[in-house]
PDB file of N, CA and C in Angstrom:
ATOM      1  N   MET A   1     149.490 -25.131 -69.885  1.00  0.00           N
ATOM      2  CA  MET A   1     150.074 -24.301 -68.832  1.00  0.00           C
ATOM      3  C   MET A   1     149.015 -24.037 -67.770  1.00  0.00           C
ATOM      4  N   VAL A   2     149.474 -23.969 -66.547  1.00  0.00           N
ATOM      5  CA  VAL A   2     148.619 -23.677 -65.406  1.00  0.00           C
ATOM      6  C   VAL A   2     149.252 -22.542 -64.616  1.00  0.00           C
ATOM      7  N   VAL A   3     148.438 -21.586 -64.192  1.00  0.00           N
ATOM      8  CA  VAL A   3     148.894 -20.486 -63.349  1.00  0.00           C
ATOM      9  C   VAL A   3     148.300 -20.691 -61.962  1.00  0.00           C
ATOM     10  N   HIS A   4     149.161 -20.669 -60.949  1.00  0.00           N
ATOM     11  CA  HIS A   4     148.714 -20.815 -59.558  1.00  0.00           C
ATOM     12  C   HIS A   4     148.741 -19.457 -58.884  1.00  0.00           C
ATOM     13  N   GLY A   5     147.766 -19.217 -58.022  1.00  0.00           N
ATOM     14  CA  GLY A   5     147.698 -17.951 -57.304  1.00  0.00           C
ATOM     15  C   GLY A   5     146.679 -18.033 -56.189  1.00  0.00           C
ATOM     16  N   THR A   6     146.207 -16.881 -55.763  1.00  0.00           N
ATOM     17  CA  THR A   6     145.219 -16.833 -54.686  1.00  0.00           C
ATOM     18  C   THR A   6     144.074 -15.910 -55.054  1.00  0.00           C
ATOM     19  N   ILE A   7     142.922 -16.241 -54.545  1.00  0.00           N
ATOM     20  CA  ILE A   7     141.766 -15.355 -54.577  1.00  0.00           C
ATOM     21  C   ILE A   7     141.746 -14.693 -53.217  1.00  0.00           C
ATOM     22  N   GLU A   8     141.848 -13.383 -53.209  1.00  0.00           N
ATOM     23  CA  GLU A   8     141.854 -12.621 -51.958  1.00  0.00           C
ATOM     24  C   GLU A   8     140.449 -12.081 -51.716  1.00  0.00           C
ATOM     25  N   ALA A   9     139.862 -12.441 -50.589  1.00  0.00           N
ATOM     26  CA  ALA A   9     138.509 -12.002 -50.258  1.00  0.00           C
ATOM     27  C   ALA A   9     138.559 -11.103 -49.030  1.00  0.00           C
ATOM     28  N   THR A  10     137.771 -10.015 -49.072  1.00  0.00           N
ATOM     29  CA  THR A  10     137.675  -9.083 -47.958  1.00  0.00           C
ATOM     30  C   THR A  10     136.200  -8.843 -47.653  1.00  0.00           C
ATOM     31  N   LEU A  11     135.820  -9.036 -46.400  1.00  0.00           N
ATOM     32  CA  LEU A  11     134.445  -8.813 -45.959  1.00  0.00           C
ATOM     33  C   LEU A  11     134.156  -7.322 -45.938  1.00  0.00           C
ATOM     34  N   ARG A  12     133.036  -6.927 -46.529  1.00  0.00           N
ATOM     35  CA  ARG A  12     132.671  -5.506 -46.569  1.00  0.00           C
ATOM     36  C   ARG A  12     131.294  -5.271 -45.974  1.00  0.00           C
ATOM     37  N   THR A  13     130.946  -6.100 -45.010  1.00  0.00           N
ATOM     38  CA  THR A  13     129.695  -5.970 -44.278  1.00  0.00           C
ATOM     39  C   THR A  13     129.960  -6.394 -42.839  1.00  0.00           C
ATOM     40  N   ASP A  14     129.009  -6.138 -41.959  1.00  0.00           N
ATOM     41  CA  ASP A  14     129.160  -6.544 -40.559  1.00  0.00           C
ATOM     42  C   ASP A  14     128.690  -7.964 -40.309  1.00  0.00           C
ATOM     43  N   GLU A  15     128.222  -8.640 -41.346  1.00  0.00           N
ATOM     44  CA  GLU A  15     127.701 -10.001 -41.218  1.00  0.00           C
ATOM     45  C   GLU A  15     128.687 -10.998 -41.825  1.00  0.00           C
ATOM     46  N   PRO A  16     128.865 -12.176 -41.223  1.00  0.00           N
ATOM     47  CA  PRO A  16     129.781 -13.175 -41.778  1.00  0.00           C
ATOM     48  C   PRO A  16     129.321 -13.659 -43.157  1.00  0.00           C
ATOM     49  N   ARG A  17     130.279 -14.058 -43.960  1.00  0.00           N
ATOM     50  CA  ARG A  17     130.016 -14.618 -45.285  1.00  0.00           C
ATOM     51  C   ARG A  17     130.942 -15.805 -45.510  1.00  0.00           C
ATOM     52  N   ASP A  18     130.405 -16.821 -46.185  1.00  0.00           N
ATOM     53  CA  ASP A  18     131.201 -17.952 -46.629  1.00  0.00           C
ATOM     54  C   ASP A  18     131.475 -17.801 -48.109  1.00  0.00           C
ATOM     55  N   LEU A  19     132.711 -18.047 -48.510  1.00  0.00           N
ATOM     56  CA  LEU A  19     133.044 -18.155 -49.924  1.00  0.00           C
ATOM     57  C   LEU A  19     132.829 -19.630 -50.249  1.00  0.00           C
ATOM     58  N   THR A  20     131.780 -19.923 -51.043  1.00  0.00           N
ATOM     59  CA  THR A  20     131.325 -21.296 -51.190  1.00  0.00           C
ATOM     60  C   THR A  20     131.843 -22.004 -52.431  1.00  0.00           C
ATOM     61  N   GLN A  21     132.066 -21.268 -53.527  1.00  0.00           N
ATOM     62  CA  GLN A  21     132.542 -21.905 -54.753  1.00  0.00           C
ATOM     63  C   GLN A  21     133.119 -20.868 -55.702  1.00  0.00           C
ATOM     64  N   VAL A  22     133.850 -21.351 -56.690  1.00  0.00           N
ATOM     65  CA  VAL A  22     134.438 -20.482 -57.721  1.00  0.00           C
ATOM     66  C   VAL A  22     134.190 -21.133 -59.081  1.00  0.00           C
ATOM     67  N   ALA A  23     134.211 -20.308 -60.138  1.00  0.00           N
ATOM     68  CA  ALA A  23     134.028 -20.832 -61.494  1.00  0.00           C
ATOM     69  C   ALA A  23     134.839 -19.993 -62.468  1.00  0.00           C
ATOM     70  N   GLY A  24     135.233 -20.628 -63.549  1.00  0.00           N
ATOM     71  CA  GLY A  24     136.011 -19.967 -64.581  1.00  0.00           C
ATOM     72  C   GLY A  24     135.140 -19.277 -65.618  1.00  0.00           C
ATOM     73  N   THR A  25     135.730 -19.057 -66.777  1.00  0.00           N
ATOM     74  CA  THR A  25     135.066 -18.390 -67.890  1.00  0.00           C
ATOM     75  C   THR A  25     135.062 -19.337 -69.085  1.00  0.00           C
ATOM     76  N   VAL A  26     134.600 -18.849 -70.220  1.00  0.00           N
ATOM     77  CA  VAL A  26     134.647 -19.666 -71.439  1.00  0.00           C
ATOM     78  C   VAL A  26     136.095 -20.022 -71.772  1.00  0.00           C
ATOM     79  N   ILE A  27     137.014 -19.093 -71.575  1.00  0.00           N
ATOM     80  CA  ILE A  27     138.420 -19.268 -71.926  1.00  0.00           C
ATOM     81  C   ILE A  27     139.196 -20.006 -70.835  1.00  0.00           C
ATOM     82  N   TYR A  28     138.992 -19.613 -69.584  1.00  0.00           N
ATOM     83  CA  TYR A  28     139.814 -20.099 -68.477  1.00  0.00           C
ATOM     84  C   TYR A  28     139.012 -20.919 -67.467  1.00  0.00           C
ATOM     85  N   SER A  29     139.587 -22.021 -67.004  1.00  0.00           N
ATOM     86  CA  SER A  29     139.031 -22.791 -65.894  1.00  0.00           C
ATOM     87  C   SER A  29     139.657 -22.271 -64.605  1.00  0.00           C
ATOM     88  N   LEU A  30     138.877 -22.178 -63.568  1.00  0.00           N
ATOM     89  CA  LEU A  30     139.356 -21.752 -62.253  1.00  0.00           C
ATOM     90  C   LEU A  30     138.940 -22.808 -61.252  1.00  0.00           C
ATOM     91  N   ARG A  31     139.926 -23.325 -60.509  1.00  0.00           N
ATOM     92  CA  ARG A  31     139.650 -24.366 -59.517  1.00  0.00           C
ATOM     93  C   ARG A  31     140.439 -24.084 -58.242  1.00  0.00           C
ATOM     94  N   PRO A  32     139.824 -24.356 -57.086  1.00  0.00           N
ATOM     95  CA  PRO A  32     140.606 -24.270 -55.851  1.00  0.00           C
ATOM     96  C   PRO A  32     141.643 -25.390 -55.840  1.00  0.00           C
ATOM     97  N   ASP A  33     142.810 -25.119 -55.264  1.00  0.00           N
ATOM     98  CA  ASP A  33     143.864 -26.135 -55.205  1.00  0.00           C
ATOM     99  C   ASP A  33     143.497 -27.292 -54.293  1.00  0.00           C
ATOM    100  N   ALA A  34     142.899 -26.995 -53.157  1.00  0.00           N
ATOM    101  CA  ALA A  34     142.536 -28.052 -52.205  1.00  0.00           C
ATOM    102  C   ALA A  34     141.098 -28.466 -52.461  1.00  0.00           C
ATOM    103  N   PRO A  35     140.862 -29.748 -52.713  1.00  0.00           N
ATOM    104  CA  PRO A  35     139.481 -30.182 -52.907  1.00  0.00           C
ATOM    105  C   PRO A  35     138.688 -30.018 -51.613  1.00  0.00           C
ATOM    106  N   VAL A  36     137.478 -29.540 -51.748  1.00  0.00           N
ATOM    107  CA  VAL A  36     136.614 -29.338 -50.587  1.00  0.00           C
ATOM    108  C   VAL A  36     135.564 -30.440 -50.578  1.00  0.00           C
ATOM    109  N   VAL A  37     135.585 -31.240 -49.547  1.00  0.00           N
ATOM    110  CA  VAL A  37     134.618 -32.327 -49.435  1.00  0.00           C
ATOM    111  C   VAL A  37     133.272 -31.768 -49.001  1.00  0.00           C
ATOM    112  N   SER A  38     133.284 -30.921 -47.999  1.00  0.00           N
ATOM    113  CA  SER A  38     132.066 -30.245 -47.557  1.00  0.00           C
ATOM    114  C   SER A  38     132.470 -28.949 -46.879  1.00  0.00           C
ATOM    115  N   GLY A  39     131.556 -28.026 -46.846  1.00  0.00           N
ATOM    116  CA  GLY A  39     131.821 -26.747 -46.203  1.00  0.00           C
ATOM    117  C   GLY A  39     132.356 -25.717 -47.182  1.00  0.00           C
ATOM    118  N   PRO A  40     132.514 -24.497 -46.715  1.00  0.00           N
ATOM    119  CA  PRO A  40     132.958 -23.400 -47.590  1.00  0.00           C
ATOM    120  C   PRO A  40     134.464 -23.456 -47.881  1.00  0.00           C
ATOM    121  N   LEU A  41     134.861 -22.758 -48.926  1.00  0.00           N
ATOM    122  CA  LEU A  41     136.283 -22.601 -49.242  1.00  0.00           C
ATOM    123  C   LEU A  41     136.957 -21.678 -48.229  1.00  0.00           C
ATOM    124  N   ALA A  42     136.201 -20.700 -47.731  1.00  0.00           N
ATOM    125  CA  ALA A  42     136.713 -19.758 -46.720  1.00  0.00           C
ATOM    126  C   ALA A  42     135.526 -19.152 -45.992  1.00  0.00           C
ATOM    127  N   THR A  43     135.758 -18.737 -44.759  1.00  0.00           N
ATOM    128  CA  THR A  43     134.742 -18.042 -43.975  1.00  0.00           C
ATOM    129  C   THR A  43     135.300 -16.686 -43.567  1.00  0.00           C
ATOM    130  N   LEU A  44     134.520 -15.655 -43.835  1.00  0.00           N
ATOM    131  CA  LEU A  44     134.896 -14.284 -43.484  1.00  0.00           C
ATOM    132  C   LEU A  44     133.982 -13.810 -42.363  1.00  0.00           C
ATOM    133  N   THR A  45     134.573 -13.237 -41.321  1.00  0.00           N
ATOM    134  CA  THR A  45     133.801 -12.709 -40.198  1.00  0.00           C
ATOM    135  C   THR A  45     134.307 -11.310 -39.876  1.00  0.00           C
ATOM    136  N   PRO A  46     133.535 -10.521 -39.117  1.00  0.00           N
ATOM    137  CA  PRO A  46     134.055  -9.212 -38.720  1.00  0.00           C
ATOM    138  C   PRO A  46     135.382  -9.311 -37.964  1.00  0.00           C
ATOM    139  N   ALA A  47     135.584 -10.374 -37.191  1.00  0.00           N
ATOM    140  CA  ALA A  47     136.846 -10.563 -36.474  1.00  0.00           C
ATOM    141  C   ALA A  47     137.980 -11.004 -37.392  1.00  0.00           C
ATOM    142  N   ASN A  48     137.666 -11.724 -38.458  1.00  0.00           N
ATOM    143  CA  ASN A  48     138.637 -12.195 -39.454  1.00  0.00           C
ATOM    144  C   ASN A  48     138.105 -11.863 -40.853  1.00  0.00           C
ATOM    145  N   PRO A  49     138.219 -10.581 -41.257  1.00  0.00           N
ATOM    146  CA  PRO A  49     137.555 -10.129 -42.487  1.00  0.00           C
ATOM    147  C   PRO A  49     138.289 -10.453 -43.788  1.00  0.00           C
ATOM    148  N   LYS A  50     139.447 -11.099 -43.720  1.00  0.00           N
ATOM    149  CA  LYS A  50     140.196 -11.406 -44.940  1.00  0.00           C
ATOM    150  C   LYS A  50     140.501 -12.891 -45.016  1.00  0.00           C
ATOM    151  N   ALA A  51     140.497 -13.397 -46.252  1.00  0.00           N
ATOM    152  CA  ALA A  51     140.838 -14.802 -46.475  1.00  0.00           C
ATOM    153  C   ALA A  51     141.485 -14.937 -47.847  1.00  0.00           C
ATOM    154  N   SER A  52     142.351 -15.918 -47.967  1.00  0.00           N
ATOM    155  CA  SER A  52     143.004 -16.241 -49.236  1.00  0.00           C
ATOM    156  C   SER A  52     142.677 -17.688 -49.581  1.00  0.00           C
ATOM    157  N   VAL A  53     142.270 -17.901 -50.811  1.00  0.00           N
ATOM    158  CA  VAL A  53     141.981 -19.252 -51.299  1.00  0.00           C
ATOM    159  C   VAL A  53     142.949 -19.531 -52.439  1.00  0.00           C
ATOM    160  N   ARG A  54     143.788 -20.531 -52.253  1.00  0.00           N
ATOM    161  CA  ARG A  54     144.732 -20.924 -53.308  1.00  0.00           C
ATOM    162  C   ARG A  54     143.963 -21.586 -54.440  1.00  0.00           C
ATOM    163  N   GLY A  55     144.350 -21.253 -55.666  1.00  0.00           N
ATOM    164  CA  GLY A  55     143.670 -21.828 -56.814  1.00  0.00           C
ATOM    165  C   GLY A  55     144.558 -21.862 -58.035  1.00  0.00           C
ATOM    166  N   SER A  56     144.018 -22.425 -59.102  1.00  0.00           N
ATOM    167  CA  SER A  56     144.757 -22.492 -60.352  1.00  0.00           C
ATOM    168  C   SER A  56     143.843 -22.135 -61.517  1.00  0.00           C
ATOM    169  N   VAL A  57     144.455 -21.522 -62.514  1.00  0.00           N
ATOM    170  CA  VAL A  57     143.770 -21.174 -63.751  1.00  0.00           C
ATOM    171  C   VAL A  57     144.447 -21.946 -64.868  1.00  0.00           C
ATOM    172  N   SER A  58     143.627 -22.632 -65.655  1.00  0.00           N
ATOM    173  CA  SER A  58     144.128 -23.375 -66.813  1.00  0.00           C
ATOM    174  C   SER A  58     143.210 -23.063 -67.990  1.00  0.00           C
ATOM    175  N   VAL A  59     143.568 -23.583 -69.146  1.00  0.00           N
ATOM    176  CA  VAL A  59     142.766 -23.310 -70.333  1.00  0.00           C
ATOM    177  C   VAL A  59     141.485 -24.137 -70.300  1.00  0.00           C
ATOM    178  N   SER A  60     140.400 -23.499 -70.629  1.00  0.00           N
ATOM    179  CA  SER A  60     139.131 -24.180 -70.798  1.00  0.00           C
ATOM    180  C   SER A  60     138.877 -24.378 -72.291  1.00  0.00           C
ATOM    181  N   ARG A  61     138.993 -23.281 -73.033  1.00  0.00           N
ATOM    182  CA  ARG A  61     138.815 -23.315 -74.486  1.00  0.00           C
ATOM    183  C   ARG A  61     139.589 -22.140 -75.061  1.00  0.00           C
ATOM    184  N   CYS A  62     140.552 -22.415 -75.926  1.00  0.00           N
ATOM    185  CA  CYS A  62     141.432 -21.354 -76.418  1.00  0.00           C
ATOM    186  C   CYS A  62     141.493 -21.318 -77.950  1.00  0.00           C
ATOM    187  N   ASP A  63     140.426 -21.755 -78.605  1.00  0.00           N
ATOM    188  CA  ASP A  63     140.433 -21.703 -80.065  1.00  0.00           C
ATOM    189  C   ASP A  63     140.098 -20.288 -80.537  1.00  0.00           C
ATOM    190  N   GLY A  64     140.324 -20.033 -81.805  1.00  0.00           N
ATOM    191  CA  GLY A  64     140.107 -18.701 -82.363  1.00  0.00           C
ATOM    192  C   GLY A  64     138.697 -18.190 -82.177  1.00  0.00           C
ATOM    193  N   HIS A  65     137.710 -19.069 -82.325  1.00  0.00           N
ATOM    194  CA  HIS A  65     136.321 -18.644 -82.163  1.00  0.00           C
ATOM    195  C   HIS A  65     136.057 -18.181 -80.727  1.00  0.00           C
ATOM    196  N   ALA A  66     136.495 -18.961 -79.749  1.00  0.00           N
ATOM    197  CA  ALA A  66     136.279 -18.592 -78.343  1.00  0.00           C
ATOM    198  C   ALA A  66     136.989 -17.281 -78.019  1.00  0.00           C
ATOM    199  N   ARG A  67     138.228 -17.140 -78.473  1.00  0.00           N
ATOM    200  CA  ARG A  67     138.981 -15.906 -78.197  1.00  0.00           C
ATOM    201  C   ARG A  67     138.328 -14.700 -78.867  1.00  0.00           C
ATOM    202  N   GLY A  68     137.843 -14.885 -80.097  1.00  0.00           N
ATOM    203  CA  GLY A  68     137.249 -13.774 -80.830  1.00  0.00           C
ATOM    204  C   GLY A  68     135.881 -13.360 -80.335  1.00  0.00           C
ATOM    205  N   GLU A  69     135.132 -14.298 -79.792  1.00  0.00           N
ATOM    206  CA  GLU A  69     133.754 -14.017 -79.405  1.00  0.00           C
ATOM    207  C   GLU A  69     133.585 -13.641 -77.938  1.00  0.00           C
ATOM    208  N   THR A  70     134.536 -13.972 -77.093  1.00  0.00           N
ATOM    209  CA  THR A  70     134.351 -13.690 -75.674  1.00  0.00           C
ATOM    210  C   THR A  70     134.414 -12.190 -75.420  1.00  0.00           C
ATOM    211  N   LYS A  71     133.457 -11.704 -74.683  1.00  0.00           N
ATOM    212  CA  LYS A  71     133.386 -10.275 -74.349  1.00  0.00           C
ATOM    213  C   LYS A  71     134.005 -10.001 -72.982  1.00  0.00           C
ATOM    214  N   LYS A  72     133.999 -11.009 -72.120  1.00  0.00           N
ATOM    215  CA  LYS A  72     134.496 -10.845 -70.750  1.00  0.00           C
ATOM    216  C   LYS A  72     135.385 -12.028 -70.387  1.00  0.00           C
ATOM    217  N   PRO A  73     136.599 -12.056 -70.919  1.00  0.00           N
ATOM    218  CA  PRO A  73     137.453 -13.224 -70.684  1.00  0.00           C
ATOM    219  C   PRO A  73     137.866 -13.404 -69.230  1.00  0.00           C
ATOM    220  N   TYR A  74     137.786 -12.343 -68.428  1.00  0.00           N
ATOM    221  CA  TYR A  74     138.226 -12.424 -67.033  1.00  0.00           C
ATOM    222  C   TYR A  74     137.053 -12.322 -66.051  1.00  0.00           C
ATOM    223  N   ALA A  75     135.847 -12.595 -66.506  1.00  0.00           N
ATOM    224  CA  ALA A  75     134.657 -12.509 -65.650  1.00  0.00           C
ATOM    225  C   ALA A  75     134.480 -13.806 -64.867  1.00  0.00           C
ATOM    226  N   PHE A  76     135.459 -14.091 -64.013  1.00  0.00           N
ATOM    227  CA  PHE A  76     135.369 -15.250 -63.133  1.00  0.00           C
ATOM    228  C   PHE A  76     134.222 -15.031 -62.156  1.00  0.00           C
ATOM    229  N   LEU A  77     133.765 -16.095 -61.544  1.00  0.00           N
ATOM    230  CA  LEU A  77     132.691 -15.990 -60.558  1.00  0.00           C
ATOM    231  C   LEU A  77     133.134 -16.583 -59.227  1.00  0.00           C
ATOM    232  N   VAL A  78     132.743 -15.927 -58.159  1.00  0.00           N
ATOM    233  CA  VAL A  78     132.843 -16.486 -56.810  1.00  0.00           C
ATOM    234  C   VAL A  78     131.471 -16.338 -56.171  1.00  0.00           C
ATOM    235  N   TRP A  79     131.099 -17.312 -55.369  1.00  0.00           N
ATOM    236  CA  TRP A  79     129.809 -17.264 -54.696  1.00  0.00           C
ATOM    237  C   TRP A  79     130.045 -17.041 -53.209  1.00  0.00           C
ATOM    238  N   LEU A  80     129.311 -16.083 -52.659  1.00  0.00           N
ATOM    239  CA  LEU A  80     129.342 -15.787 -51.224  1.00  0.00           C
ATOM    240  C   LEU A  80     127.944 -15.986 -50.667  1.00  0.00           C
ATOM    241  N   ALA A  81     127.879 -16.360 -49.402  1.00  0.00           N
ATOM    242  CA  ALA A  81     126.585 -16.575 -48.750  1.00  0.00           C
ATOM    243  C   ALA A  81     126.731 -16.352 -47.256  1.00  0.00           C
ATOM    244  N   PRO A  82     125.664 -15.866 -46.613  1.00  0.00           N
ATOM    245  CA  PRO A  82     125.671 -15.928 -45.164  1.00  0.00           C
ATOM    246  C   PRO A  82     125.773 -17.401 -44.768  1.00  0.00           C
ATOM    247  N   PRO A  83     126.412 -17.735 -43.659  1.00  0.00           N
ATOM    248  CA  PRO A  83     126.532 -19.149 -43.280  1.00  0.00           C
ATOM    249  C   PRO A  83     125.176 -19.862 -43.341  1.00  0.00           C
ATOM    250  N   GLY A  84     125.098 -20.874 -44.208  1.00  0.00           N
ATOM    251  CA  GLY A  84     123.874 -21.635 -44.383  1.00  0.00           C
ATOM    252  C   GLY A  84     122.813 -20.937 -45.221  1.00  0.00           C
ATOM    253  N   GLY A  85     123.124 -19.757 -45.754  1.00  0.00           N
ATOM    254  CA  GLY A  85     122.131 -18.978 -46.492  1.00  0.00           C
ATOM    255  C   GLY A  85     122.268 -19.078 -47.998  1.00  0.00           C
ATOM    256  N   GLU A  86     121.508 -18.250 -48.688  1.00  0.00           N
ATOM    257  CA  GLU A  86     121.469 -18.244 -50.142  1.00  0.00           C
ATOM    258  C   GLU A  86     122.727 -17.603 -50.723  1.00  0.00           C
ATOM    259  N   GLU A  87     123.268 -18.246 -51.753  1.00  0.00           N
ATOM    260  CA  GLU A  87     124.490 -17.772 -52.397  1.00  0.00           C
ATOM    261  C   GLU A  87     124.210 -16.621 -53.366  1.00  0.00           C
ATOM    262  N   THR A  88     125.192 -15.729 -53.460  1.00  0.00           N
ATOM    263  CA  THR A  88     125.177 -14.648 -54.436  1.00  0.00           C
ATOM    264  C   THR A  88     126.488 -14.702 -55.201  1.00  0.00           C
ATOM    265  N   ALA A  89     126.397 -14.682 -56.532  1.00  0.00           N
ATOM    266  CA  ALA A  89     127.598 -14.725 -57.367  1.00  0.00           C
ATOM    267  C   ALA A  89     128.090 -13.317 -57.639  1.00  0.00           C
ATOM    268  N   LEU A  90     129.412 -13.153 -57.617  1.00  0.00           N
ATOM    269  CA  LEU A  90     130.016 -11.893 -58.033  1.00  0.00           C
ATOM    270  C   LEU A  90     131.305 -12.123 -58.773  1.00  0.00           C
ATOM    271  N   ASN A  91     131.712 -11.086 -59.505  1.00  0.00           N
ATOM    272  CA  ASN A  91     132.950 -11.152 -60.281  1.00  0.00           C
ATOM    273  C   ASN A  91     134.072 -10.512 -59.482  1.00  0.00           C
ATOM    274  N   PRO A  92     135.130 -11.263 -59.174  1.00  0.00           N
ATOM    275  CA  PRO A  92     136.265 -10.653 -58.473  1.00  0.00           C
ATOM    276  C   PRO A  92     137.036  -9.736 -59.417  1.00  0.00           C
ATOM    277  N   VAL A  93     137.732  -8.782 -58.831  1.00  0.00           N
ATOM    278  CA  VAL A  93     138.603  -7.889 -59.602  1.00  0.00           C
ATOM    279  C   VAL A  93     139.810  -8.694 -60.067  1.00  0.00           C
ATOM    280  N   VAL A  94     140.131  -8.588 -61.348  1.00  0.00           N
ATOM    281  CA  VAL A  94     141.313  -9.242 -61.917  1.00  0.00           C
ATOM    282  C   VAL A  94     142.266  -8.126 -62.346  1.00  0.00           C
ATOM    283  N   ASP A  95     143.395  -8.013 -61.634  1.00  0.00           N
ATOM    284  CA  ASP A  95     144.322  -6.921 -61.922  1.00  0.00           C
ATOM    285  C   ASP A  95     145.198  -7.217 -63.137  1.00  0.00           C
ATOM    286  N   GLU A  96     145.962  -6.224 -63.549  1.00  0.00           N
ATOM    287  CA  GLU A  96     146.801  -6.343 -64.752  1.00  0.00           C
ATOM    288  C   GLU A  96     147.877  -7.421 -64.612  1.00  0.00           C
ATOM    289  N   THR A  97     148.404  -7.613 -63.413  1.00  0.00           N
ATOM    290  CA  THR A  97     149.407  -8.658 -63.198  1.00  0.00           C
ATOM    291  C   THR A  97     148.802 -10.032 -63.456  1.00  0.00           C
ATOM    292  N   ALA A  98     147.593 -10.263 -62.945  1.00  0.00           N
ATOM    293  CA  ALA A  98     146.922 -11.544 -63.170  1.00  0.00           C
ATOM    294  C   ALA A  98     146.581 -11.717 -64.645  1.00  0.00           C
ATOM    295  N   ARG A  99     146.095 -10.668 -65.285  1.00  0.00           N
ATOM    296  CA  ARG A  99     145.762 -10.747 -66.711  1.00  0.00           C
ATOM    297  C   ARG A  99     146.997 -11.128 -67.534  1.00  0.00           C
ATOM    298  N   ALA A 100     148.124 -10.545 -67.200  1.00  0.00           N
ATOM    299  CA  ALA A 100     149.363 -10.871 -67.920  1.00  0.00           C
ATOM    300  C   ALA A 100     149.729 -12.336 -67.715  1.00  0.00           C
ATOM    301  N   ALA A 101     149.559 -12.842 -66.499  1.00  0.00           N
ATOM    302  CA  ALA A 101     149.855 -14.262 -66.241  1.00  0.00           C
ATOM    303  C   ALA A 101     148.899 -15.168 -67.021  1.00  0.00           C
ATOM    304  N   PHE A 102     147.628 -14.788 -67.118  1.00  0.00           N
ATOM    305  CA  PHE A 102     146.650 -15.595 -67.844  1.00  0.00           C
ATOM    306  C   PHE A 102     146.960 -15.651 -69.338  1.00  0.00           C
ATOM    307  N   GLN A 103     147.657 -14.641 -69.846  1.00  0.00           N
ATOM    308  CA  GLN A 103     148.048 -14.642 -71.257  1.00  0.00           C
ATOM    309  C   GLN A 103     148.967 -15.818 -71.572  1.00  0.00           C
ATOM    310  N   GLY A 104     149.695 -16.300 -70.574  1.00  0.00           N
ATOM    311  CA  GLY A 104     150.530 -17.490 -70.773  1.00  0.00           C
ATOM    312  C   GLY A 104     149.704 -18.756 -70.900  1.00  0.00           C
ATOM    313  N   VAL A 105     148.501 -18.748 -70.365  1.00  0.00           N
ATOM    314  CA  VAL A 105     147.590 -19.888 -70.448  1.00  0.00           C
ATOM    315  C   VAL A 105     146.877 -19.884 -71.791  1.00  0.00           C
ATOM    316  N   CYS A 106     146.357 -18.721 -72.173  1.00  0.00           N
ATOM    317  CA  CYS A 106     145.676 -18.562 -73.471  1.00  0.00           C
ATOM    318  C   CYS A 106     145.815 -17.107 -73.880  1.00  0.00           C
ATOM    319  N   PRO A 107     146.658 -16.815 -74.888  1.00  0.00           N
ATOM    320  CA  PRO A 107     146.822 -15.426 -75.313  1.00  0.00           C
ATOM    321  C   PRO A 107     145.577 -14.919 -76.018  1.00  0.00           C
ATOM    322  N   LEU A 108     145.116 -13.756 -75.611  1.00  0.00           N
ATOM    323  CA  LEU A 108     143.928 -13.160 -76.236  1.00  0.00           C
ATOM    324  C   LEU A 108     144.306 -12.087 -77.226  1.00  0.00           C
TER     325      LEU A 108
END
C-alpha cells in the first residue's frame, strides 16, 4: 500500500530557504512524487512563504522486530538550506490524520 499526500512547508524566517530533500524512517519510505533532476524540491521566500511538495509514503520495513524496536516511527526528515548553502535536517510535524493513514501502510 502507498499513501499519497503533501509536505506543507512554511518559512519562519526573513531569509529564503530551499527544501532540498526528504527521507523516511525505519518503518516508512518517503519519496517526492516528481523526480528532481537538479535543484530544490521547493523554494520558500518572504514573498512566497508556503510550499507544498507532493509525495508518497510506502513500507520500508514492517516486520515485528522493526515495529517493536522503533522509538520514532514518524520521525521523517526534510532538509532545508539557504539557496546554495548548508543543509539542516528537521522533523516535520505528523498529525493524527497522517498517522492514521500510515497505519494502512504498516500497522504499529
